Amino acid sequence: MNKHDKEIAASCRLLKLGTNFVKNTLAFTGDSHQEYMLKVLSAEVEYRELKRRDLNLKKAGFGNVKTFENYHFEDIELPAAIDRELLIKADFLNRTENLILYGRNGTGKSHMATAIGVEACMQGKKVAFYKTAALVNEIVTAKADGKLLRYLKKLEKLDLLICDEWGYIPFDAEGSQLLFQVIADCYEKRSIIITTNLEFSRWNGIFYDDQLTTSLIDRLVHHSHLIIFDRESWRFKHSLMQQK
């Protein structure tokens, strides 16, 4: 590395441009100063975008990263307002709309929710994936530790909140009220995806409060698309028991 290269590297460090930028300044050439600078800057923009996507994926908390590749849409009822292509592209997020994925266990609801979340991360959006019971536990713990406001502010930064396995485990009164607060705070500000095997009429079994349940459903369905998974469990269909 010659004197000029060292000075470039030192300047990049002072400007916090990183080693990737330094590498590109030394690697690229151009027929003019403008062409050279455009190459360096374009490469840096692409690099930072990739890093941002990777960070979004890491922070999202997906148990397993899944996409729509080879995903089967048979026996899934999509509403007229949203088609398969718009779903795959997570287009509804641009309108701050919600999805409620309803059907029996093992029918691909969590896979779809994850695939949409991954696509949103690829678009540079901030996503958080939670098992609903785990989300409630975290909120309750945050409140007990005097950190509820900080936790809610973290959720406010999201573009998409995914609540998986909604209604699988009932909550106590405090957990129900805090979950309601989270959903109410999302209203018309960020999108929500809920996966559940419970129809709306049974949601009062989660919250034990008819008024709270009605108010929650009212907020959710106002800007929601209901997708129904009317098929047998994929896990049961492909289980070793079935193969035998």
Protein backbone atom coordinates (compact mmCIF):
# COMPACT_ATOMS: atom_id res chain seq x y z
CA MET A 1 0.00 0.00 0.00
CA ASN A 2 1.57 3.31 -1.08
CA LYS A 3 1.38 6.67 0.67
CA HIS A 4 -1.83 7.76 -1.09
CA ASP A 5 -3.53 4.43 -0.37
CA LYS A 6 -2.69 4.78 3.32
CA GLU A 7 -4.03 8.32 3.39
CA ILE A 8 -7.26 7.17 1.71
CA ALA A 9 -7.64 4.40 4.29
CA ALA A 10 -7.00 6.81 7.15
CA SER A 11 -9.55 9.30 5.80
CA CYS A 12 -12.15 6.52 5.42
CA ARG A 13 -11.61 5.50 9.03
CA LEU A 14 -12.10 9.07 10.21
CA LEU A 15 -15.30 9.30 8.18
CA LYS A 16 -16.38 5.84 9.47
CA LEU A 17 -16.77 4.52 5.93
CA GLY A 18 -15.48 1.06 6.79
CA THR A 19 -13.04 -1.41 5.27
CA ASN A 20 -15.37 -2.31 2.39
CA PHE A 21 -15.33 1.29 1.17
CA VAL A 22 -11.53 1.39 1.48
CA LYS A 23 -11.24 -1.82 -0.53
CA ASN A 24 -13.44 -0.45 -3.31
CA THR A 25 -11.56 2.86 -3.53
CA LEU A 26 -8.39 0.88 -4.18
CA ALA A 27 -9.95 -1.71 -6.50
CA PHE A 28 -12.09 0.34 -8.88
CA THR A 29 -11.04 2.42 -11.85
CA GLY A 30 -12.93 4.68 -14.24
CA ASP A 31 -12.51 6.69 -17.42
CA SER A 32 -13.31 9.85 -15.47
CA HIS A 33 -13.39 11.00 -11.85
CA GLN A 34 -17.18 10.92 -11.96
CA GLU A 35 -17.33 7.34 -13.28
CA TYR A 36 -14.84 6.16 -10.66
CA MET A 37 -16.72 7.87 -7.83
CA LEU A 38 -20.05 6.49 -9.04
CA LYS A 39 -18.67 2.94 -9.02
CA VAL A 40 -17.31 3.33 -5.49
CA LEU A 41 -20.48 4.90 -4.13
CA SER A 42 -22.81 2.42 -5.89
CA ALA A 43 -20.85 -0.51 -4.47
CA GLU A 44 -21.06 0.98 -0.99
CA VAL A 45 -24.82 1.53 -1.27
CA GLU A 46 -25.31 -2.10 -2.37
CA TYR A 47 -23.06 -3.37 0.43
CA ARG A 48 -24.92 -1.41 3.10
CA GLU A 49 -28.28 -2.52 1.75
CA LEU A 50 -27.21 -6.16 1.99
CA LYS A 51 -25.96 -5.64 5.52
CA ARG A 52 -29.22 -3.93 6.47
CA ARG A 53 -31.23 -6.85 5.07
CA ASP A 54 -29.09 -9.36 6.95
CA LEU A 55 -29.48 -7.38 10.16
CA ASN A 56 -33.25 -7.14 9.70
CA LEU A 57 -33.42 -10.93 9.23
CA LYS A 58 -31.32 -11.51 12.32
CA LYS A 59 -33.39 -9.15 14.47
CA ALA A 60 -36.72 -10.53 13.21
CA GLY A 61 -36.39 -13.65 15.34
CA PHE A 62 -37.53 -16.26 12.83
CA GLY A 63 -37.09 -19.74 14.26
CA ASN A 64 -36.50 -21.06 10.75
CA VAL A 65 -36.08 -18.80 7.74
CA LYS A 66 -38.58 -19.93 5.09
CA THR A 67 -39.56 -18.47 1.73
CA PHE A 68 -42.33 -19.03 -0.81
CA GLU A 69 -40.10 -21.25 -2.93
CA ASN A 70 -42.03 -24.50 -3.57
CA TYR A 71 -44.86 -23.29 -1.31
CA HIS A 72 -48.20 -24.89 -2.20
CA PHE A 73 -51.32 -22.71 -2.28
CA GLU A 74 -53.80 -25.54 -2.82
CA ASP A 75 -56.92 -25.31 -0.62
CA ILE A 76 -56.03 -21.85 0.68
CA GLU A 77 -58.86 -19.35 0.32
CA LEU A 78 -57.59 -15.87 -0.54
CA PRO A 79 -59.99 -12.91 -0.31
CA ALA A 80 -60.84 -11.01 -3.48
CA ALA A 81 -58.89 -7.95 -2.32
CA ILE A 82 -55.52 -9.68 -2.37
CA ASP A 83 -54.11 -12.20 -4.83
CA ARG A 84 -51.18 -14.59 -4.61
CA GLU A 85 -48.70 -12.23 -6.28
CA LEU A 86 -49.50 -9.32 -3.95
CA LEU A 87 -49.21 -11.68 -0.99
CA ILE A 88 -45.80 -12.99 -2.05
CA LYS A 89 -44.54 -9.42 -2.57
CA ALA A 90 -45.91 -8.36 0.85
CA ASP A 91 -47.66 -5.51 -0.95
CA PHE A 92 -50.26 -5.09 1.81
CA LEU A 93 -47.56 -3.64 4.08
CA ASN A 94 -47.45 -0.51 1.94
CA ARG A 95 -51.07 0.14 2.94
CA THR A 96 -50.57 -0.80 6.62
CA GLU A 97 -53.00 -3.71 6.26
CA ASN A 98 -53.12 -6.91 8.32
CA LEU A 99 -53.43 -10.62 7.64
CA ILE A 100 -55.25 -13.18 9.73
CA LEU A 101 -54.23 -16.70 8.74
CA TYR A 102 -56.86 -19.13 10.01
CA GLY A 103 -56.90 -22.93 9.88
CA ARG A 104 -56.09 -26.11 11.70
CA ASN A 105 -52.59 -26.91 12.92
CA GLY A 106 -49.90 -27.91 10.42
CA THR A 107 -51.52 -26.37 7.34
CA GLY A 108 -48.75 -23.90 6.48
CA LYS A 109 -49.87 -20.76 8.29
CA SER A 110 -46.57 -20.18 10.10
CA HIS A 111 -44.64 -20.93 6.92
CA MET A 112 -46.61 -18.29 5.02
CA ALA A 113 -46.24 -15.74 7.82
CA THR A 114 -42.48 -16.36 7.94
CA ALA A 115 -42.10 -16.16 4.14
CA ILE A 116 -43.92 -12.82 4.08
CA GLY A 117 -41.77 -11.58 6.94
CA VAL A 118 -38.58 -12.63 5.14
CA GLU A 119 -39.71 -10.82 1.99
CA ALA A 120 -40.42 -7.70 4.06
CA CYS A 121 -36.89 -7.88 5.49
CA MET A 122 -35.52 -8.16 1.95
CA GLN A 123 -37.37 -4.94 1.15
CA GLY A 124 -35.62 -3.20 4.02
CA LYS A 125 -38.57 -3.31 6.41
CA LYS A 126 -38.30 -4.05 10.13
CA VAL A 127 -40.05 -7.22 11.23
CA ALA A 128 -40.50 -9.12 14.50
CA PHE A 129 -41.73 -12.72 14.66
CA TYR A 130 -43.13 -13.94 17.99
CA LYS A 131 -44.93 -16.94 19.32
CA THR A 132 -47.81 -15.02 20.88
CA ALA A 133 -47.31 -16.58 24.31
CA ALA A 134 -43.63 -15.59 24.25
CA LEU A 135 -44.55 -12.03 23.28
CA VAL A 136 -46.96 -11.77 26.20
CA ASN A 137 -44.34 -13.18 28.59
CA GLU A 138 -41.81 -10.60 27.40
CA ILE A 139 -44.29 -7.74 27.84
CA VAL A 140 -45.27 -8.89 31.34
CA THR A 141 -41.61 -9.23 32.30
CA ALA A 142 -40.81 -5.80 30.88
CA LYS A 143 -43.59 -4.27 32.97
CA ALA A 144 -42.42 -6.07 36.12
CA ASP A 145 -38.88 -4.77 35.51
CA GLY A 146 -40.08 -1.21 34.95
CA LYS A 147 -39.10 -1.36 31.26
CA LEU A 148 -42.52 -1.52 29.61
CA LEU A 149 -42.27 1.89 27.93
CA ARG A 150 -38.87 0.99 26.46
CA TYR A 151 -40.22 -2.34 25.20
CA LEU A 152 -43.24 -0.71 23.56
CA LYS A 153 -41.00 1.87 21.89
CA LYS A 154 -39.00 -1.01 20.38
CA LEU A 155 -42.21 -2.44 18.91
CA GLU A 156 -43.18 0.99 17.58
CA LYS A 157 -40.17 0.89 15.24
CA LEU A 158 -41.53 -2.16 13.41
CA ASP A 159 -43.17 -2.24 10.01
CA LEU A 160 -44.59 -5.74 10.62
CA LEU A 161 -45.42 -7.63 13.81
CA ILE A 162 -46.07 -11.37 13.40
CA CYS A 163 -47.99 -13.12 16.20
CA ASP A 164 -47.76 -16.85 15.61
CA GLU A 165 -49.92 -19.47 17.37
CA TRP A 166 -52.47 -16.89 18.53
CA GLY A 167 -54.82 -18.41 21.11
CA TYR A 168 -52.90 -21.62 21.68
CA ILE A 169 -52.24 -20.63 25.30
CA PRO A 170 -54.68 -18.47 27.33
CA PHE A 171 -53.32 -15.46 29.23
CA ASP A 172 -54.12 -13.99 32.61
CA ALA A 173 -55.83 -10.61 32.91
CA GLU A 174 -52.58 -8.64 32.93
CA GLY A 175 -51.17 -10.46 29.91
CA SER A 176 -54.42 -9.96 27.98
CA GLN A 177 -54.51 -6.24 28.72
CA LEU A 178 -50.88 -5.76 27.71
CA LEU A 179 -51.37 -7.71 24.47
CA PHE A 180 -54.39 -5.54 23.74
CA GLN A 181 -52.22 -2.46 24.26
CA VAL A 182 -49.66 -3.74 21.76
CA ILE A 183 -52.31 -4.48 19.11
CA ALA A 184 -54.09 -1.18 19.74
CA ASP A 185 -50.79 0.69 19.33
CA CYS A 186 -50.28 -1.00 15.95
CA TYR A 187 -53.63 0.20 14.62
CA GLU A 188 -53.10 2.07 11.32
CA LYS A 189 -49.38 2.49 12.14
CA ARG A 190 -47.86 -0.91 11.33
CA SER A 191 -49.06 -4.20 9.89
CA ILE A 192 -49.82 -7.35 11.86
CA ILE A 193 -49.96 -11.00 10.81
CA ILE A 194 -51.78 -13.41 13.12
CA THR A 195 -51.80 -17.17 12.71
CA THR A 196 -54.56 -18.94 14.63
CA ASN A 197 -56.74 -22.03 14.75
CA LEU A 198 -59.50 -20.21 16.62
CA GLU A 199 -62.44 -18.49 14.93
CA PHE A 200 -63.30 -15.02 16.22
CA SER A 201 -66.20 -16.30 18.33
CA ARG A 202 -63.73 -18.20 20.53
CA TRP A 203 -61.29 -15.35 21.12
CA ASN A 204 -63.01 -14.39 24.35
CA GLY A 205 -61.53 -17.62 25.68
CA ILE A 206 -58.12 -16.00 25.29
CA PHE A 207 -58.95 -12.68 26.96
CA TYR A 208 -61.82 -13.58 29.34
CA ASP A 209 -63.34 -10.16 28.69
CA ASP A 210 -66.04 -9.75 26.06
CA GLN A 211 -65.61 -5.98 25.79
CA LEU A 212 -61.82 -6.25 25.43
CA THR A 213 -62.19 -9.04 22.87
CA THR A 214 -64.76 -7.11 20.81
CA SER A 215 -62.60 -3.98 20.82
CA LEU A 216 -59.53 -5.96 19.79
CA ILE A 217 -61.30 -7.74 16.92
CA ASP A 218 -62.77 -4.43 15.76
CA ARG A 219 -59.30 -2.90 15.42
CA LEU A 220 -57.83 -5.95 13.74
CA VAL A 221 -60.47 -6.64 11.11
CA HIS A 222 -60.87 -3.01 10.01
CA HIS A 223 -57.80 -3.27 7.75
CA SER A 224 -57.36 -7.06 7.60
CA HIS A 225 -57.49 -9.81 5.01
CA LEU A 226 -58.71 -13.20 6.26
CA ILE A 227 -56.93 -16.15 4.64
CA ILE A 228 -58.41 -19.58 5.33
CA PHE A 229 -56.31 -22.75 5.23
CA ASP A 230 -58.87 -25.43 4.44
CA ARG A 231 -56.61 -28.48 4.16
CA GLU A 232 -55.20 -31.30 6.24
CA SER A 233 -52.05 -31.01 8.30
CA TRP A 234 -48.91 -31.17 6.15
CA ARG A 235 -46.97 -32.63 9.09
CA PHE A 236 -49.53 -35.42 9.60
CA LYS A 237 -49.76 -36.11 5.87
CA HIS A 238 -45.98 -36.57 5.64
CA SER A 239 -45.44 -38.23 9.03
CA LEU A 240 -43.67 -41.55 9.42
CA MET A 241 -46.91 -43.02 10.78
CA GLN A 242 -48.68 -42.24 7.54
CA GLN A 243 -45.83 -43.65 5.46
CA LYS A 244 -46.06 -46.92 7.36
